[in-house]
Amino acid sequence: MEIWMKETKTKTHHIINFHREEHSDCKYLGKFDDIEFKNYLLKIDQNIDSEKNLNLLKYYGYLHLFISL
Protein backbone atom coordinates (compact mmCIF):
# COMPACT_ATOMS: atom_id res chain seq x y z
CA MET A 1 0.00 0.00 0.00
CA GLU A 2 1.20 3.51 -0.75
CA ILE A 3 1.45 5.90 2.20
CA TRP A 4 1.59 9.69 2.46
CA MET A 5 2.57 11.36 5.72
CA LYS A 6 2.36 14.73 7.43
CA GLU A 7 4.17 15.29 10.73
CA THR A 8 3.86 18.12 13.22
CA LYS A 9 6.46 18.33 16.00
CA THR A 10 6.44 20.31 19.23
CA LYS A 11 8.56 20.12 22.37
CA THR A 12 6.05 17.79 24.07
CA HIS A 13 4.48 15.68 21.31
CA HIS A 14 4.32 14.66 17.67
CA ILE A 15 1.19 14.43 15.57
CA ILE A 16 1.61 12.09 12.62
CA ASN A 17 -1.02 11.76 9.90
CA PHE A 18 -0.84 8.81 7.51
CA HIS A 19 -3.01 8.65 4.38
CA ARG A 20 -3.46 5.97 1.75
CA GLU A 21 -4.29 8.56 -0.92
CA GLU A 22 -2.21 11.47 -2.13
CA HIS A 23 -2.72 14.75 -0.26
CA SER A 24 -1.15 18.03 -1.30
CA ASP A 25 0.12 18.87 2.19
CA CYS A 26 1.64 15.41 2.76
CA LYS A 27 4.92 13.91 1.58
CA TYR A 28 5.09 10.53 -0.10
CA LEU A 29 6.49 8.04 2.41
CA GLY A 30 6.64 5.02 0.12
CA LYS A 31 5.06 1.70 -0.68
CA PHE A 32 4.70 -0.69 2.27
CA ASP A 33 3.44 -4.20 2.83
CA ASP A 34 1.74 -4.93 6.17
CA ILE A 35 4.87 -6.09 7.97
CA GLU A 36 6.95 -3.14 6.80
CA PHE A 37 4.34 -0.64 7.96
CA LYS A 38 3.93 -2.32 11.36
CA ASN A 39 7.72 -2.21 11.79
CA TYR A 40 7.69 1.48 10.79
CA LEU A 41 5.10 2.17 13.52
CA LEU A 42 7.19 0.30 16.09
CA LYS A 43 10.19 2.50 15.21
CA ILE A 44 8.06 5.53 16.09
CA ASP A 45 6.86 4.08 19.41
CA GLN A 46 7.75 0.67 20.88
CA ASN A 47 4.46 0.54 22.83
CA ILE A 48 2.14 1.15 19.89
CA ASP A 49 -0.42 -1.48 18.89
CA SER A 50 0.84 -1.79 15.32
CA GLU A 51 -1.75 -4.40 14.29
CA LYS A 52 -4.69 -2.27 15.43
CA ASN A 53 -3.30 0.87 13.79
CA LEU A 54 -2.61 -0.95 10.53
CA ASN A 55 -6.22 -2.18 10.48
CA LEU A 56 -7.50 1.36 11.16
CA LEU A 57 -5.41 2.71 8.28
CA LYS A 58 -6.72 0.03 5.95
CA TYR A 59 -10.35 0.53 6.98
CA TYR A 60 -10.55 4.34 7.10
CA GLY A 61 -7.78 5.21 4.64
CA TYR A 62 -6.06 7.45 7.16
CA LEU A 63 -4.48 7.22 10.59
CA HIS A 64 -3.72 10.07 12.99
CA LEU A 65 -1.28 9.37 15.82
CA PHE A 66 -0.57 11.55 18.84
CA ILE A 67 2.82 10.61 20.29
CA SER A 68 3.88 12.11 23.65
CA LEU A 69 7.56 12.69 24.21
C-alpha atoms as a PDB file:
ATOM      1  CA  MET A   1       0.000   0.000   0.000  1.00  0.00           C
ATOM      2  CA  GLU A   2       1.197   3.509  -0.750  1.00  0.00           C
ATOM      3  CA  ILE A   3       1.446   5.902   2.204  1.00  0.00           C
ATOM      4  CA  TRP A   4       1.593   9.692   2.458  1.00  0.00           C
ATOM      5  CA  MET A   5       2.573  11.362   5.722  1.00  0.00           C
ATOM      6  CA  LYS A   6       2.362  14.734   7.433  1.00  0.00           C
ATOM      7  CA  GLU A   7       4.171  15.287  10.726  1.00  0.00           C
ATOM      8  CA  THR A   8       3.857  18.124  13.225  1.00  0.00           C
ATOM      9  CA  LYS A   9       6.457  18.327  15.997  1.00  0.00           C
ATOM     10  CA  THR A  10       6.435  20.306  19.233  1.00  0.00           C
ATOM     11  CA  LYS A  11       8.556  20.120  22.373  1.00  0.00           C
ATOM     12  CA  THR A  12       6.046  17.795  24.069  1.00  0.00           C
ATOM     13  CA  HIS A  13       4.483  15.685  21.311  1.00  0.00           C
ATOM     14  CA  HIS A  14       4.317  14.659  17.665  1.00  0.00           C
ATOM     15  CA  ILE A  15       1.189  14.435  15.566  1.00  0.00           C
ATOM     16  CA  ILE A  16       1.611  12.095  12.618  1.00  0.00           C
ATOM     17  CA  ASN A  17      -1.018  11.758   9.899  1.00  0.00           C
ATOM     18  CA  PHE A  18      -0.837   8.810   7.506  1.00  0.00           C
ATOM     19  CA  HIS A  19      -3.005   8.650   4.378  1.00  0.00           C
ATOM     20  CA  ARG A  20      -3.462   5.966   1.749  1.00  0.00           C
ATOM     21  CA  GLU A  21      -4.292   8.560  -0.919  1.00  0.00           C
ATOM     22  CA  GLU A  22      -2.213  11.466  -2.128  1.00  0.00           C
ATOM     23  CA  HIS A  23      -2.723  14.746  -0.265  1.00  0.00           C
ATOM     24  CA  SER A  24      -1.146  18.033  -1.304  1.00  0.00           C
ATOM     25  CA  ASP A  25       0.122  18.866   2.190  1.00  0.00           C
ATOM     26  CA  CYS A  26       1.643  15.407   2.757  1.00  0.00           C
ATOM     27  CA  LYS A  27       4.920  13.912   1.577  1.00  0.00           C
ATOM     28  CA  TYR A  28       5.086  10.532  -0.097  1.00  0.00           C
ATOM     29  CA  LEU A  29       6.491   8.044   2.406  1.00  0.00           C
ATOM     30  CA  GLY A  30       6.636   5.024   0.115  1.00  0.00           C
ATOM     31  CA  LYS A  31       5.059   1.697  -0.682  1.00  0.00           C
ATOM     32  CA  PHE A  32       4.701  -0.692   2.273  1.00  0.00           C
ATOM     33  CA  ASP A  33       3.441  -4.199   2.830  1.00  0.00           C
ATOM     34  CA  ASP A  34       1.740  -4.934   6.168  1.00  0.00           C
ATOM     35  CA  ILE A  35       4.868  -6.094   7.968  1.00  0.00           C
ATOM     36  CA  GLU A  36       6.945  -3.140   6.796  1.00  0.00           C
ATOM     37  CA  PHE A  37       4.337  -0.644   7.960  1.00  0.00           C
ATOM     38  CA  LYS A  38       3.928  -2.325  11.364  1.00  0.00           C
ATOM     39  CA  ASN A  39       7.717  -2.207  11.790  1.00  0.00           C
ATOM     40  CA  TYR A  40       7.694   1.476  10.793  1.00  0.00           C
ATOM     41  CA  LEU A  41       5.104   2.172  13.517  1.00  0.00           C
ATOM     42  CA  LEU A  42       7.189   0.303  16.087  1.00  0.00           C
ATOM     43  CA  LYS A  43      10.188   2.500  15.214  1.00  0.00           C
ATOM     44  CA  ILE A  44       8.065   5.528  16.094  1.00  0.00           C
ATOM     45  CA  ASP A  45       6.860   4.077  19.413  1.00  0.00           C
ATOM     46  CA  GLN A  46       7.748   0.674  20.883  1.00  0.00           C
ATOM     47  CA  ASN A  47       4.463   0.536  22.833  1.00  0.00           C
ATOM     48  CA  ILE A  48       2.144   1.148  19.888  1.00  0.00           C
ATOM     49  CA  ASP A  49      -0.417  -1.476  18.891  1.00  0.00           C
ATOM     50  CA  SER A  50       0.839  -1.795  15.320  1.00  0.00           C
ATOM     51  CA  GLU A  51      -1.747  -4.404  14.289  1.00  0.00           C
ATOM     52  CA  LYS A  52      -4.692  -2.269  15.433  1.00  0.00           C
ATOM     53  CA  ASN A  53      -3.298   0.866  13.792  1.00  0.00           C
ATOM     54  CA  LEU A  54      -2.613  -0.951  10.528  1.00  0.00           C
ATOM     55  CA  ASN A  55      -6.216  -2.176  10.483  1.00  0.00           C
ATOM     56  CA  LEU A  56      -7.495   1.359  11.163  1.00  0.00           C
ATOM     57  CA  LEU A  57      -5.411   2.715   8.280  1.00  0.00           C
ATOM     58  CA  LYS A  58      -6.724   0.034   5.947  1.00  0.00           C
ATOM     59  CA  TYR A  59     -10.348   0.532   6.978  1.00  0.00           C
ATOM     60  CA  TYR A  60     -10.549   4.342   7.095  1.00  0.00           C
ATOM     61  CA  GLY A  61      -7.781   5.205   4.644  1.00  0.00           C
ATOM     62  CA  TYR A  62      -6.063   7.454   7.161  1.00  0.00           C
ATOM     63  CA  LEU A  63      -4.478   7.222  10.590  1.00  0.00           C
ATOM     64  CA  HIS A  64      -3.721  10.067  12.986  1.00  0.00           C
ATOM     65  CA  LEU A  65      -1.276   9.367  15.823  1.00  0.00           C
ATOM     66  CA  PHE A  66      -0.573  11.545  18.841  1.00  0.00           C
ATOM     67  CA  ILE A  67       2.823  10.606  20.291  1.00  0.00           C
ATOM     68  CA  SER A  68       3.880  12.106  23.651  1.00  0.00           C
ATOM     69  CA  LEU A  69       7.556  12.690  24.213  1.00  0.00           C
END
